[in-house]
Amino acid sequence: MKDFFFYIGFATLATHEIDAVFKHEWRVLPLTSWLPDEYGFLVFLFFHIPLFAILVWLIANLNQTIRYRSRLGFSIFLIVHGILHLLFAEHRLYEFTSAYSNILIFGGALCGLAHIVLEYAETKN
C-alpha cells in the first residue's frame, strides 16, 4: 500500500506541474518572479526536464538504499510543497484556487504523509 501512495503522490506532482504552467507559477516563485513572462515561462518549463530526470533516476534507482532514501525524501518534499502553497496562497499572483489544483497539491501532500507513515509502520514490524 505504501508504494500505491508513493506513486499516486508522484503522479499528483507531475500533473500539478502541468497545471503550474497554466497557472503561471513562475510569477510567484522568488527565483523567477522578477523575470518577464516569456523568460520566466521558459526557465520554469525547461528547469523541469533535468529536475524530473534526476528525480526518476533517484526514485527508480537499482541501489536499494538510494531508492529508499529518495522516495522518503520525495514524500517529505510533497508535504513541504503543500505547506509552501499554503504560505504563497496570499500572493497577489497566486492562481491555484480551483478545486482540482488543490486536490493535486494537497492530495499529493497527503500521499506523501501516508507513504511515510506506512514506511515507518513497516520498519517497526
PDB file of N, CA and C in Angstrom:
ATOM      1  N   MET A   1       0.814  -1.194   0.000  1.00  0.00           N
ATOM      2  CA  MET A   1       0.000   0.000   0.000  1.00  0.00           C
ATOM      3  C   MET A   1       0.867   1.272   0.000  1.00  0.00           C
ATOM      4  N   LYS A   2       2.025   1.196   0.684  1.00  0.00           N
ATOM      5  CA  LYS A   2       2.897   2.372   0.721  1.00  0.00           C
ATOM      6  C   LYS A   2       3.340   2.762  -0.685  1.00  0.00           C
ATOM      7  N   ASP A   3       3.610   1.765  -1.538  1.00  0.00           N
ATOM      8  CA  ASP A   3       4.006   2.076  -2.907  1.00  0.00           C
ATOM      9  C   ASP A   3       2.876   2.745  -3.676  1.00  0.00           C
ATOM     10  N   PHE A   4       1.649   2.323  -3.417  1.00  0.00           N
ATOM     11  CA  PHE A   4       0.495   2.944  -4.054  1.00  0.00           C
ATOM     12  C   PHE A   4       0.474   4.443  -3.744  1.00  0.00           C
ATOM     13  N   PHE A   5       0.611   4.798  -2.462  1.00  0.00           N
ATOM     14  CA  PHE A   5       0.594   6.203  -2.081  1.00  0.00           C
ATOM     15  C   PHE A   5       1.788   6.957  -2.659  1.00  0.00           C
ATOM     16  N   PHE A   6       2.939   6.288  -2.717  1.00  0.00           N
ATOM     17  CA  PHE A   6       4.108   6.938  -3.302  1.00  0.00           C
ATOM     18  C   PHE A   6       3.849   7.276  -4.770  1.00  0.00           C
ATOM     19  N   TYR A   7       3.374   6.307  -5.540  1.00  0.00           N
ATOM     20  CA  TYR A   7       3.169   6.531  -6.973  1.00  0.00           C
ATOM     21  C   TYR A   7       2.047   7.533  -7.251  1.00  0.00           C
ATOM     22  N   ILE A   8       0.993   7.501  -6.459  1.00  0.00           N
ATOM     23  CA  ILE A   8      -0.068   8.493  -6.623  1.00  0.00           C
ATOM     24  C   ILE A   8       0.476   9.885  -6.286  1.00  0.00           C
ATOM     25  N   GLY A   9       1.294   9.974  -5.246  1.00  0.00           N
ATOM     26  CA  GLY A   9       1.926  11.246  -4.899  1.00  0.00           C
ATOM     27  C   GLY A   9       2.797  11.764  -6.024  1.00  0.00           C
ATOM     28  N   PHE A  10       3.583  10.877  -6.622  1.00  0.00           N
ATOM     29  CA  PHE A  10       4.423  11.265  -7.756  1.00  0.00           C
ATOM     30  C   PHE A  10       3.547  11.759  -8.913  1.00  0.00           C
ATOM     31  N   ALA A  11       2.471  11.040  -9.180  1.00  0.00           N
ATOM     32  CA  ALA A  11       1.571  11.416 -10.281  1.00  0.00           C
ATOM     33  C   ALA A  11       0.892  12.756 -10.013  1.00  0.00           C
ATOM     34  N   THR A  12       0.537  13.021  -8.755  1.00  0.00           N
ATOM     35  CA  THR A  12      -0.094  14.309  -8.466  1.00  0.00           C
ATOM     36  C   THR A  12       0.889  15.454  -8.680  1.00  0.00           C
ATOM     37  N   LEU A  13       2.157  15.249  -8.309  1.00  0.00           N
ATOM     38  CA  LEU A  13       3.131  16.320  -8.527  1.00  0.00           C
ATOM     39  C   LEU A  13       3.352  16.546 -10.017  1.00  0.00           C
ATOM     40  N   ALA A  14       3.520  15.467 -10.776  1.00  0.00           N
ATOM     41  CA  ALA A  14       3.733  15.612 -12.215  1.00  0.00           C
ATOM     42  C   ALA A  14       2.550  16.333 -12.867  1.00  0.00           C
ATOM     43  N   THR A  15       1.354  15.982 -12.459  1.00  0.00           N
ATOM     44  CA  THR A  15       0.165  16.619 -13.013  1.00  0.00           C
ATOM     45  C   THR A  15       0.055  18.066 -12.527  1.00  0.00           C
ATOM     46  N   HIS A  16       0.424  18.289 -11.286  1.00  0.00           N
ATOM     47  CA  HIS A  16       0.431  19.660 -10.757  1.00  0.00           C
ATOM     48  C   HIS A  16       1.373  20.547 -11.575  1.00  0.00           C
ATOM     49  N   GLU A  17       2.488  20.018 -12.011  1.00  0.00           N
ATOM     50  CA  GLU A  17       3.437  20.825 -12.785  1.00  0.00           C
ATOM     51  C   GLU A  17       2.850  21.235 -14.133  1.00  0.00           C
ATOM     52  N   ILE A  18       1.991  20.404 -14.695  1.00  0.00           N
ATOM     53  CA  ILE A  18       1.271  20.803 -15.913  1.00  0.00           C
ATOM     54  C   ILE A  18       0.332  21.963 -15.569  1.00  0.00           C
ATOM     55  N   ASP A  19      -0.393  21.807 -14.476  1.00  0.00           N
ATOM     56  CA  ASP A  19      -1.291  22.857 -14.013  1.00  0.00           C
ATOM     57  C   ASP A  19      -0.506  24.121 -13.672  1.00  0.00           C
ATOM     58  N   ALA A  20       0.704  23.956 -13.144  1.00  0.00           N
ATOM     59  CA  ALA A  20       1.532  25.101 -12.743  1.00  0.00           C
ATOM     60  C   ALA A  20       1.913  25.973 -13.933  1.00  0.00           C
ATOM     61  N   VAL A  21       2.094  25.370 -15.092  1.00  0.00           N
ATOM     62  CA  VAL A  21       2.377  26.163 -16.290  1.00  0.00           C
ATOM     63  C   VAL A  21       1.133  26.976 -16.647  1.00  0.00           C
ATOM     64  N   PHE A  22      -0.004  26.328 -16.603  1.00  0.00           N
ATOM     65  CA  PHE A  22      -1.266  27.009 -16.899  1.00  0.00           C
ATOM     66  C   PHE A  22      -1.537  28.140 -15.913  1.00  0.00           C
ATOM     67  N   LYS A  23      -1.126  27.941 -14.652  1.00  0.00           N
ATOM     68  CA  LYS A  23      -1.392  28.912 -13.585  1.00  0.00           C
ATOM     69  C   LYS A  23      -0.231  29.887 -13.364  1.00  0.00           C
ATOM     70  N   HIS A  24       0.736  29.904 -14.261  1.00  0.00           N
ATOM     71  CA  HIS A  24       1.848  30.874 -14.224  1.00  0.00           C
ATOM     72  C   HIS A  24       2.615  30.847 -12.904  1.00  0.00           C
ATOM     73  N   GLU A  25       2.996  29.683 -12.454  1.00  0.00           N
ATOM     74  CA  GLU A  25       3.650  29.559 -11.143  1.00  0.00           C
ATOM     75  C   GLU A  25       4.963  30.334 -11.062  1.00  0.00           C
ATOM     76  N   TRP A  26       5.640  30.522 -12.175  1.00  0.00           N
ATOM     77  CA  TRP A  26       6.906  31.252 -12.153  1.00  0.00           C
ATOM     78  C   TRP A  26       6.724  32.694 -11.674  1.00  0.00           C
ATOM     79  N   ARG A  27       5.515  33.216 -11.761  1.00  0.00           N
ATOM     80  CA  ARG A  27       5.244  34.589 -11.307  1.00  0.00           C
ATOM     81  C   ARG A  27       5.272  34.712  -9.778  1.00  0.00           C
ATOM     82  N   VAL A  28       5.138  33.583  -9.104  1.00  0.00           N
ATOM     83  CA  VAL A  28       5.070  33.564  -7.644  1.00  0.00           C
ATOM     84  C   VAL A  28       6.405  33.135  -7.027  1.00  0.00           C
ATOM     85  N   LEU A  29       7.155  32.316  -7.725  1.00  0.00           N
ATOM     86  CA  LEU A  29       8.407  31.782  -7.176  1.00  0.00           C
ATOM     87  C   LEU A  29       9.472  32.869  -7.076  1.00  0.00           C
ATOM     88  N   PRO A  30      10.145  32.964  -5.938  1.00  0.00           N
ATOM     89  CA  PRO A  30      11.153  34.013  -5.754  1.00  0.00           C
ATOM     90  C   PRO A  30      12.271  34.004  -6.803  1.00  0.00           C
ATOM     91  N   LEU A  31      12.657  32.836  -7.297  1.00  0.00           N
ATOM     92  CA  LEU A  31      13.761  32.763  -8.255  1.00  0.00           C
ATOM     93  C   LEU A  31      13.382  33.179  -9.675  1.00  0.00           C
ATOM     94  N   THR A  32      12.091  33.188  -9.964  1.00  0.00           N
ATOM     95  CA  THR A  32      11.660  33.508 -11.334  1.00  0.00           C
ATOM     96  C   THR A  32      10.655  34.653 -11.409  1.00  0.00           C
ATOM     97  N   SER A  33      10.155  35.101 -10.289  1.00  0.00           N
ATOM     98  CA  SER A  33       9.087  36.110 -10.297  1.00  0.00           C
ATOM     99  C   SER A  33       9.523  37.446 -10.903  1.00  0.00           C
ATOM    100  N   TRP A  34      10.791  37.734 -10.891  1.00  0.00           N
ATOM    101  CA  TRP A  34      11.305  39.002 -11.414  1.00  0.00           C
ATOM    102  C   TRP A  34      11.510  38.976 -12.927  1.00  0.00           C
ATOM    103  N   LEU A  35      11.420  37.780 -13.527  1.00  0.00           N
ATOM    104  CA  LEU A  35      11.639  37.647 -14.972  1.00  0.00           C
ATOM    105  C   LEU A  35      10.388  38.031 -15.754  1.00  0.00           C
ATOM    106  N   PRO A  36      10.564  38.600 -16.955  1.00  0.00           N
ATOM    107  CA  PRO A  36       9.398  38.804 -17.828  1.00  0.00           C
ATOM    108  C   PRO A  36       8.748  37.449 -18.129  1.00  0.00           C
ATOM    109  N   ASP A  37       7.456  37.444 -18.366  1.00  0.00           N
ATOM    110  CA  ASP A  37       6.716  36.191 -18.561  1.00  0.00           C
ATOM    111  C   ASP A  37       7.361  35.232 -19.559  1.00  0.00           C
ATOM    112  N   GLU A  38       7.784  35.739 -20.709  1.00  0.00           N
ATOM    113  CA  GLU A  38       8.316  34.830 -21.728  1.00  0.00           C
ATOM    114  C   GLU A  38       9.583  34.120 -21.247  1.00  0.00           C
ATOM    115  N   TYR A  39      10.392  34.784 -20.426  1.00  0.00           N
ATOM    116  CA  TYR A  39      11.611  34.151 -19.900  1.00  0.00           C
ATOM    117  C   TYR A  39      11.302  33.310 -18.668  1.00  0.00           C
ATOM    118  N   GLY A  40      10.437  33.821 -17.811  1.00  0.00           N
ATOM    119  CA  GLY A  40      10.051  33.059 -16.631  1.00  0.00           C
ATOM    120  C   GLY A  40       9.425  31.732 -17.006  1.00  0.00           C
ATOM    121  N   PHE A  41       8.558  31.767 -18.010  1.00  0.00           N
ATOM    122  CA  PHE A  41       7.927  30.539 -18.502  1.00  0.00           C
ATOM    123  C   PHE A  41       8.974  29.552 -19.000  1.00  0.00           C
ATOM    124  N   LEU A  42       9.919  30.028 -19.821  1.00  0.00           N
ATOM    125  CA  LEU A  42      10.936  29.132 -20.379  1.00  0.00           C
ATOM    126  C   LEU A  42      11.855  28.555 -19.303  1.00  0.00           C
ATOM    127  N   VAL A  43      12.268  29.387 -18.363  1.00  0.00           N
ATOM    128  CA  VAL A  43      13.112  28.895 -17.264  1.00  0.00           C
ATOM    129  C   VAL A  43      12.347  27.854 -16.460  1.00  0.00           C
ATOM    130  N   PHE A  44      11.114  28.171 -16.105  1.00  0.00           N
ATOM    131  CA  PHE A  44      10.275  27.250 -15.339  1.00  0.00           C
ATOM    132  C   PHE A  44      10.079  25.936 -16.096  1.00  0.00           C
ATOM    133  N   LEU A  45       9.749  26.034 -17.356  1.00  0.00           N
ATOM    134  CA  LEU A  45       9.483  24.849 -18.174  1.00  0.00           C
ATOM    135  C   LEU A  45      10.715  23.964 -18.324  1.00  0.00           C
ATOM    136  N   PHE A  46      11.815  24.561 -18.762  1.00  0.00           N
ATOM    137  CA  PHE A  46      12.994  23.748 -19.063  1.00  0.00           C
ATOM    138  C   PHE A  46      13.747  23.299 -17.823  1.00  0.00           C
ATOM    139  N   PHE A  47      13.565  23.972 -16.692  1.00  0.00           N
ATOM    140  CA  PHE A  47      14.151  23.509 -15.443  1.00  0.00           C
ATOM    141  C   PHE A  47      13.575  22.155 -15.040  1.00  0.00           C
ATOM    142  N   HIS A  48      12.338  21.891 -15.441  1.00  0.00           N
ATOM    143  CA  HIS A  48      11.686  20.645 -15.052  1.00  0.00           C
ATOM    144  C   HIS A  48      12.235  19.424 -15.796  1.00  0.00           C
ATOM    145  N   ILE A  49      12.906  19.604 -16.894  1.00  0.00           N
ATOM    146  CA  ILE A  49      13.487  18.455 -17.601  1.00  0.00           C
ATOM    147  C   ILE A  49      14.576  17.795 -16.755  1.00  0.00           C
ATOM    148  N   PRO A  50      15.637  18.530 -16.364  1.00  0.00           N
ATOM    149  CA  PRO A  50      16.643  17.863 -15.522  1.00  0.00           C
ATOM    150  C   PRO A  50      16.081  17.491 -14.149  1.00  0.00           C
ATOM    151  N   LEU A  51      15.173  18.311 -13.632  1.00  0.00           N
ATOM    152  CA  LEU A  51      14.586  18.015 -12.324  1.00  0.00           C
ATOM    153  C   LEU A  51      13.886  16.658 -12.324  1.00  0.00           C
ATOM    154  N   PHE A  52      13.028  16.427 -13.296  1.00  0.00           N
ATOM    155  CA  PHE A  52      12.311  15.154 -13.359  1.00  0.00           C
ATOM    156  C   PHE A  52      13.229  14.003 -13.763  1.00  0.00           C
ATOM    157  N   ALA A  53      14.212  14.258 -14.611  1.00  0.00           N
ATOM    158  CA  ALA A  53      15.160  13.201 -14.982  1.00  0.00           C
ATOM    159  C   ALA A  53      15.918  12.713 -13.749  1.00  0.00           C
ATOM    160  N   ILE A  54      16.410  13.649 -12.956  1.00  0.00           N
ATOM    161  CA  ILE A  54      17.141  13.283 -11.738  1.00  0.00           C
ATOM    162  C   ILE A  54      16.211  12.598 -10.745  1.00  0.00           C
ATOM    163  N   LEU A  55      15.015  13.131 -10.597  1.00  0.00           N
ATOM    164  CA  LEU A  55      14.051  12.546  -9.674  1.00  0.00           C
ATOM    165  C   LEU A  55      13.711  11.105 -10.049  1.00  0.00           C
ATOM    166  N   VAL A  56      13.429  10.853 -11.300  1.00  0.00           N
ATOM    167  CA  VAL A  56      13.099   9.492 -11.736  1.00  0.00           C
ATOM    168  C   VAL A  56      14.305   8.575 -11.552  1.00  0.00           C
ATOM    169  N   TRP A  57      15.506   9.075 -11.856  1.00  0.00           N
ATOM    170  CA  TRP A  57      16.710   8.271 -11.656  1.00  0.00           C
ATOM    171  C   TRP A  57      16.850   7.873 -10.187  1.00  0.00           C
ATOM    172  N   LEU A  58      16.579   8.803  -9.289  1.00  0.00           N
ATOM    173  CA  LEU A  58      16.724   8.533  -7.859  1.00  0.00           C
ATOM    174  C   LEU A  58      15.661   7.568  -7.338  1.00  0.00           C
ATOM    175  N   ILE A  59      14.395   7.810  -7.657  1.00  0.00           N
ATOM    176  CA  ILE A  59      13.320   7.002  -7.082  1.00  0.00           C
ATOM    177  C   ILE A  59      13.180   5.627  -7.733  1.00  0.00           C
ATOM    178  N   ALA A  60      13.833   5.437  -8.889  1.00  0.00           N
ATOM    179  CA  ALA A  60      13.808   4.138  -9.560  1.00  0.00           C
ATOM    180  C   ALA A  60      15.192   3.498  -9.563  1.00  0.00           C
ATOM    181  N   ASN A  61      16.089   4.012  -8.754  1.00  0.00           N
ATOM    182  CA  ASN A  61      17.470   3.556  -8.743  1.00  0.00           C
ATOM    183  C   ASN A  61      17.563   2.083  -8.373  1.00  0.00           C
ATOM    184  N   LEU A  62      18.481   1.382  -9.002  1.00  0.00           N
ATOM    185  CA  LEU A  62      18.680  -0.033  -8.699  1.00  0.00           C
ATOM    186  C   LEU A  62      19.306  -0.247  -7.331  1.00  0.00           C
ATOM    187  N   ASN A  63      19.995   0.769  -6.835  1.00  0.00           N
ATOM    188  CA  ASN A  63      20.560   0.696  -5.494  1.00  0.00           C
ATOM    189  C   ASN A  63      19.425   0.909  -4.497  1.00  0.00           C
ATOM    190  N   GLN A  64      19.156  -0.103  -3.705  1.00  0.00           N
ATOM    191  CA  GLN A  64      18.010  -0.074  -2.800  1.00  0.00           C
ATOM    192  C   GLN A  64      18.085   1.060  -1.785  1.00  0.00           C
ATOM    193  N   THR A  65      19.267   1.372  -1.291  1.00  0.00           N
ATOM    194  CA  THR A  65      19.424   2.450  -0.312  1.00  0.00           C
ATOM    195  C   THR A  65      19.100   3.803  -0.938  1.00  0.00           C
ATOM    196  N   ILE A  66      19.627   4.042  -2.136  1.00  0.00           N
ATOM    197  CA  ILE A  66      19.344   5.301  -2.842  1.00  0.00           C
ATOM    198  C   ILE A  66      17.852   5.417  -3.125  1.00  0.00           C
ATOM    199  N   ARG A  67      17.261   4.335  -3.599  1.00  0.00           N
ATOM    200  CA  ARG A  67      15.833   4.346  -3.926  1.00  0.00           C
ATOM    201  C   ARG A  67      14.987   4.606  -2.672  1.00  0.00           C
ATOM    202  N   TYR A  68      15.299   3.920  -1.582  1.00  0.00           N
ATOM    203  CA  TYR A  68      14.549   4.065  -0.330  1.00  0.00           C
ATOM    204  C   TYR A  68      14.641   5.501   0.186  1.00  0.00           C
ATOM    205  N   ARG A  69      15.846   6.033   0.277  1.00  0.00           N
ATOM    206  CA  ARG A  69      16.037   7.392   0.796  1.00  0.00           C
ATOM    207  C   ARG A  69      15.416   8.441  -0.120  1.00  0.00           C
ATOM    208  N   SER A  70      15.514   8.219  -1.416  1.00  0.00           N
ATOM    209  CA  SER A  70      14.942   9.165  -2.380  1.00  0.00           C
ATOM    210  C   SER A  70      13.429   9.202  -2.288  1.00  0.00           C
ATOM    211  N   ARG A  71      12.826   8.052  -2.123  1.00  0.00           N
ATOM    212  CA  ARG A  71      11.368   8.014  -2.011  1.00  0.00           C
ATOM    213  C   ARG A  71      10.892   8.675  -0.726  1.00  0.00           C
ATOM    214  N   LEU A  72      11.604   8.436   0.367  1.00  0.00           N
ATOM    215  CA  LEU A  72      11.244   9.122   1.610  1.00  0.00           C
ATOM    216  C   LEU A  72      11.443  10.630   1.464  1.00  0.00           C
ATOM    217  N   GLY A  73      12.566  11.024   0.867  1.00  0.00           N
ATOM    218  CA  GLY A  73      12.827  12.446   0.649  1.00  0.00           C
ATOM    219  C   GLY A  73      11.771  13.083  -0.230  1.00  0.00           C
ATOM    220  N   PHE A  74      11.359  12.370  -1.255  1.00  0.00           N
ATOM    221  CA  PHE A  74      10.323  12.896  -2.142  1.00  0.00           C
ATOM    222  C   PHE A  74       9.002  13.053  -1.391  1.00  0.00           C
ATOM    223  N   SER A  75       8.667  12.091  -0.557  1.00  0.00           N
ATOM    224  CA  SER A  75       7.425  12.180   0.214  1.00  0.00           C
ATOM    225  C   SER A  75       7.466  13.355   1.184  1.00  0.00           C
ATOM    226  N   ILE A  76       8.628  13.588   1.777  1.00  0.00           N
ATOM    227  CA  ILE A  76       8.787  14.771   2.631  1.00  0.00           C
ATOM    228  C   ILE A  76       8.604  16.031   1.794  1.00  0.00           C
ATOM    229  N   PHE A  77       9.191  16.030   0.596  1.00  0.00           N
ATOM    230  CA  PHE A  77       9.034  17.186  -0.289  1.00  0.00           C
ATOM    231  C   PHE A  77       7.561  17.444  -0.610  1.00  0.00           C
ATOM    232  N   LEU A  78       6.774  16.405  -0.844  1.00  0.00           N
ATOM    233  CA  LEU A  78       5.351  16.602  -1.147  1.00  0.00           C
ATOM    234  C   LEU A  78       4.649  17.346  -0.010  1.00  0.00           C
ATOM    235  N   ILE A  79       5.012  17.019   1.218  1.00  0.00           N
ATOM    236  CA  ILE A  79       4.421  17.693   2.375  1.00  0.00           C
ATOM    237  C   ILE A  79       4.885  19.145   2.421  1.00  0.00           C
ATOM    238  N   VAL A  80       6.184  19.366   2.271  1.00  0.00           N
ATOM    239  CA  VAL A  80       6.742  20.723   2.275  1.00  0.00           C
ATOM    240  C   VAL A  80       6.139  21.541   1.129  1.00  0.00           C
ATOM    241  N   HIS A  81       5.974  20.924  -0.024  1.00  0.00           N
ATOM    242  CA  HIS A  81       5.380  21.579  -1.186  1.00  0.00           C
ATOM    243  C   HIS A  81       3.971  22.079  -0.860  1.00  0.00           C
ATOM    244  N   GLY A  82       3.189  21.239  -0.184  1.00  0.00           N
ATOM    245  CA  GLY A  82       1.851  21.655   0.228  1.00  0.00           C
ATOM    246  C   GLY A  82       1.897  22.834   1.187  1.00  0.00           C
ATOM    247  N   ILE A  83       2.836  22.807   2.134  1.00  0.00           N
ATOM    248  CA  ILE A  83       2.993  23.912   3.084  1.00  0.00           C
ATOM    249  C   ILE A  83       3.397  25.187   2.354  1.00  0.00           C
ATOM    250  N   LEU A  84       4.313  25.070   1.393  1.00  0.00           N
ATOM    251  CA  LEU A  84       4.721  26.250   0.619  1.00  0.00           C
ATOM    252  C   LEU A  84       3.541  26.866  -0.127  1.00  0.00           C
ATOM    253  N   HIS A  85       2.681  26.013  -0.658  1.00  0.00           N
ATOM    254  CA  HIS A  85       1.494  26.544  -1.343  1.00  0.00           C
ATOM    255  C   HIS A  85       0.573  27.267  -0.375  1.00  0.00           C
ATOM    256  N   LEU A  86       0.459  26.773   0.836  1.00  0.00           N
ATOM    257  CA  LEU A  86      -0.329  27.493   1.841  1.00  0.00           C
ATOM    258  C   LEU A  86       0.280  28.863   2.125  1.00  0.00           C
ATOM    259  N   LEU A  87       1.605  28.904   2.221  1.00  0.00           N
ATOM    260  CA  LEU A  87       2.288  30.165   2.515  1.00  0.00           C
ATOM    261  C   LEU A  87       2.190  31.167   1.369  1.00  0.00           C
ATOM    262  N   PHE A  88       2.200  30.660   0.136  1.00  0.00           N
ATOM    263  CA  PHE A  88       2.135  31.555  -1.022  1.00  0.00           C
ATOM    264  C   PHE A  88       0.706  31.877  -1.457  1.00  0.00           C
ATOM    265  N   ALA A  89      -0.279  31.268  -0.817  1.00  0.00           N
ATOM    266  CA  ALA A  89      -1.679  31.438  -1.245  1.00  0.00           C
ATOM    267  C   ALA A  89      -2.153  32.890  -1.199  1.00  0.00           C
ATOM    268  N   GLU A  90      -1.537  33.708  -0.379  1.00  0.00           N
ATOM    269  CA  GLU A  90      -1.941  35.112  -0.273  1.00  0.00           C
ATOM    270  C   GLU A  90      -1.208  36.012  -1.265  1.00  0.00           C
ATOM    271  N   HIS A  91      -0.267  35.449  -2.001  1.00  0.00           N
ATOM    272  CA  HIS A  91       0.469  36.231  -3.003  1.00  0.00           C
ATOM    273  C   HIS A  91      -0.517  36.741  -4.038  1.00  0.00           C
ATOM    274  N   ARG A  92      -0.365  37.973  -4.439  1.00  0.00           N
ATOM    275  CA  ARG A  92      -1.336  38.594  -5.358  1.00  0.00           C
ATOM    276  C   ARG A  92      -1.415  37.904  -6.713  1.00  0.00           C
ATOM    277  N   LEU A  93      -0.362  37.167  -7.121  1.00  0.00           N
ATOM    278  CA  LEU A  93      -0.374  36.493  -8.421  1.00  0.00           C
ATOM    279  C   LEU A  93      -0.616  34.979  -8.315  1.00  0.00           C
ATOM    280  N   TYR A  94      -0.937  34.516  -7.138  1.00  0.00           N
ATOM    281  CA  TYR A  94      -1.200  33.081  -6.913  1.00  0.00           C
ATOM    282  C   TYR A  94      -2.517  32.695  -7.583  1.00  0.00           C
ATOM    283  N   GLU A  95      -2.477  31.676  -8.429  1.00  0.00           N
ATOM    284  CA  GLU A  95      -3.663  31.297  -9.206  1.00  0.00           C
ATOM    285  C   GLU A  95      -4.191  29.898  -8.905  1.00  0.00           C
ATOM    286  N   PHE A  96      -3.643  29.216  -7.922  1.00  0.00           N
ATOM    287  CA  PHE A  96      -4.048  27.835  -7.635  1.00  0.00           C
ATOM    288  C   PHE A  96      -5.257  27.806  -6.706  1.00  0.00           C
ATOM    289  N   THR A  97      -6.371  28.323  -7.174  1.00  0.00           N
ATOM    290  CA  THR A  97      -7.559  28.440  -6.333  1.00  0.00           C
ATOM    291  C   THR A  97      -8.648  27.429  -6.680  1.00  0.00           C
ATOM    292  N   SER A  98      -8.490  26.695  -7.754  1.00  0.00           N
ATOM    293  CA  SER A  98      -9.530  25.742  -8.159  1.00  0.00           C
ATOM    294  C   SER A  98      -9.459  24.473  -7.316  1.00  0.00           C
ATOM    295  N   ALA A  99     -10.568  23.763  -7.304  1.00  0.00           N
ATOM    296  CA  ALA A  99     -10.617  22.500  -6.559  1.00  0.00           C
ATOM    297  C   ALA A  99      -9.593  21.509  -7.100  1.00  0.00           C
ATOM    298  N   TYR A 100      -9.465  21.407  -8.424  1.00  0.00           N
ATOM    299  CA  TYR A 100      -8.534  20.428  -8.967  1.00  0.00           C
ATOM    300  C   TYR A 100      -7.087  20.793  -8.651  1.00  0.00           C
ATOM    301  N   SER A 101      -6.756  22.077  -8.649  1.00  0.00           N
ATOM    302  CA  SER A 101      -5.398  22.477  -8.267  1.00  0.00           C
ATOM    303  C   SER A 101      -5.107  22.064  -6.826  1.00  0.00           C
ATOM    304  N   ASN A 102      -6.076  22.304  -5.948  1.00  0.00           N
ATOM    305  CA  ASN A 102      -5.890  21.969  -4.540  1.00  0.00           C
ATOM    306  C   ASN A 102      -5.871  20.467  -4.296  1.00  0.00           C
ATOM    307  N   ILE A 103      -6.625  19.719  -5.076  1.00  0.00           N
ATOM    308  CA  ILE A 103      -6.575  18.255  -4.965  1.00  0.00           C
ATOM    309  C   ILE A 103      -5.180  17.763  -5.337  1.00  0.00           C
ATOM    310  N   LEU A 104      -4.623  18.307  -6.402  1.00  0.00           N
ATOM    311  CA  LEU A 104      -3.279  17.892  -6.817  1.00  0.00           C
ATOM    312  C   LEU A 104      -2.231  18.254  -5.760  1.00  0.00           C
ATOM    313  N   ILE A 105      -2.283  19.465  -5.269  1.00  0.00           N
ATOM    314  CA  ILE A 105      -1.284  19.944  -4.311  1.00  0.00           C
ATOM    315  C   ILE A 105      -1.411  19.226  -2.974  1.00  0.00           C
ATOM    316  N   PHE A 106      -2.590  19.277  -2.389  1.00  0.00           N
ATOM    317  CA  PHE A 106      -2.765  18.765  -1.026  1.00  0.00           C
ATOM    318  C   PHE A 106      -3.039  17.261  -1.009  1.00  0.00           C
ATOM    319  N   GLY A 107      -3.572  16.749  -2.100  1.00  0.00           N
ATOM    320  CA  GLY A 107      -3.671  15.291  -2.229  1.00  0.00           C
ATOM    321  C   GLY A 107      -2.290  14.668  -2.299  1.00  0.00           C
ATOM    322  N   GLY A 108      -1.389  15.337  -3.017  1.00  0.00           N
ATOM    323  CA  GLY A 108      -0.003  14.876  -3.075  1.00  0.00           C
ATOM    324  C   GLY A 108       0.649  14.899  -1.707  1.00  0.00           C
ATOM    325  N   ALA A 109       0.396  15.977  -0.949  1.00  0.00           N
ATOM    326  CA  ALA A 109       0.950  16.072   0.405  1.00  0.00           C
ATOM    327  C   ALA A 109       0.414  14.946   1.295  1.00  0.00           C
ATOM    328  N   LEU A 110      -0.868  14.647   1.181  1.00  0.00           N
ATOM    329  CA  LEU A 110      -1.450  13.547   1.959  1.00  0.00           C
ATOM    330  C   LEU A 110      -0.865  12.200   1.549  1.00  0.00           C
ATOM    331  N   CYS A 111      -0.633  12.033   0.257  1.00  0.00           N
ATOM    332  CA  CYS A 111       0.000  10.795  -0.216  1.00  0.00           C
ATOM    333  C   CYS A 111       1.418  10.669   0.337  1.00  0.00           C
ATOM    334  N   GLY A 112       2.144  11.781   0.350  1.00  0.00           N
ATOM    335  CA  GLY A 112       3.485  11.764   0.929  1.00  0.00           C
ATOM    336  C   GLY A 112       3.452  11.377   2.391  1.00  0.00           C
ATOM    337  N   LEU A 113       2.515  11.950   3.125  1.00  0.00           N
ATOM    338  CA  LEU A 113       2.369  11.616   4.541  1.00  0.00           C
ATOM    339  C   LEU A 113       2.000  10.144   4.723  1.00  0.00           C
ATOM    340  N   ALA A 114       1.059   9.654   3.936  1.00  0.00           N
ATOM    341  CA  ALA A 114       0.656   8.245   4.025  1.00  0.00           C
ATOM    342  C   ALA A 114       1.831   7.325   3.709  1.00  0.00           C
ATOM    343  N   HIS A 115       2.605   7.664   2.703  1.00  0.00           N
ATOM    344  CA  HIS A 115       3.772   6.846   2.344  1.00  0.00           C
ATOM    345  C   HIS A 115       4.753   6.780   3.509  1.00  0.00           C
ATOM    346  N   ILE A 116       5.032   7.929   4.132  1.00  0.00           N
ATOM    347  CA  ILE A 116       5.973   7.965   5.256  1.00  0.00           C
ATOM    348  C   ILE A 116       5.444   7.154   6.439  1.00  0.00           C
ATOM    349  N   VAL A 117       4.179   7.341   6.764  1.00  0.00           N
ATOM    350  CA  VAL A 117       3.582   6.616   7.894  1.00  0.00           C
ATOM    351  C   VAL A 117       3.624   5.114   7.644  1.00  0.00           C
ATOM    352  N   LEU A 118       3.252   4.683   6.447  1.00  0.00           N
ATOM    353  CA  LEU A 118       3.254   3.254   6.138  1.00  0.00           C
ATOM    354  C   LEU A 118       4.673   2.693   6.083  1.00  0.00           C
ATOM    355  N   GLU A 119       5.604   3.474   5.591  1.00  0.00           N
ATOM    356  CA  GLU A 119       7.002   3.047   5.576  1.00  0.00           C
ATOM    357  C   GLU A 119       7.509   2.868   6.998  1.00  0.00           C
ATOM    358  N   TYR A 120       7.190   3.824   7.846  1.00  0.00           N
ATOM    359  CA  TYR A 120       7.597   3.762   9.257  1.00  0.00           C
ATOM    360  C   TYR A 120       6.964   2.554   9.943  1.00  0.00           C
ATOM    361  N   ALA A 121       5.673   2.332   9.704  1.00  0.00           N
ATOM    362  CA  ALA A 121       4.977   1.199  10.315  1.00  0.00           C
ATOM    363  C   ALA A 121       5.589  -0.121   9.863  1.00  0.00           C
ATOM    364  N   GLU A 122       5.985  -0.181   8.601  1.00  0.00           N
ATOM    365  CA  GLU A 122       6.581  -1.406   8.073  1.00  0.00           C
ATOM    366  C   GLU A 122       7.950  -1.690   8.709  1.00  0.00           C
ATOM    367  N   THR A 123       8.722  -0.646   8.955  1.00  0.00           N
ATOM    368  CA  THR A 123      10.038  -0.853   9.550  1.00  0.00           C
ATOM    369  C   THR A 123       9.950  -1.206  11.021  1.00  0.00           C
ATOM    370  N   LYS A 124       8.841  -0.864  11.676  1.00  0.00           N
ATOM    371  CA  LYS A 124       8.648  -1.193  13.093  1.00  0.00           C
ATOM    372  C   LYS A 124       8.237  -2.655  13.287  1.00  0.00           C
ATOM    373  N   ASN A 125       7.746  -3.272  12.235  1.00  0.00           N
ATOM    374  CA  ASN A 125       7.301  -4.688  12.340  1.00  0.00           C
ATOM    375  C   ASN A 125       8.405  -5.645  12.092  1.00  0.00           C
TER     376      ASN A 125
END
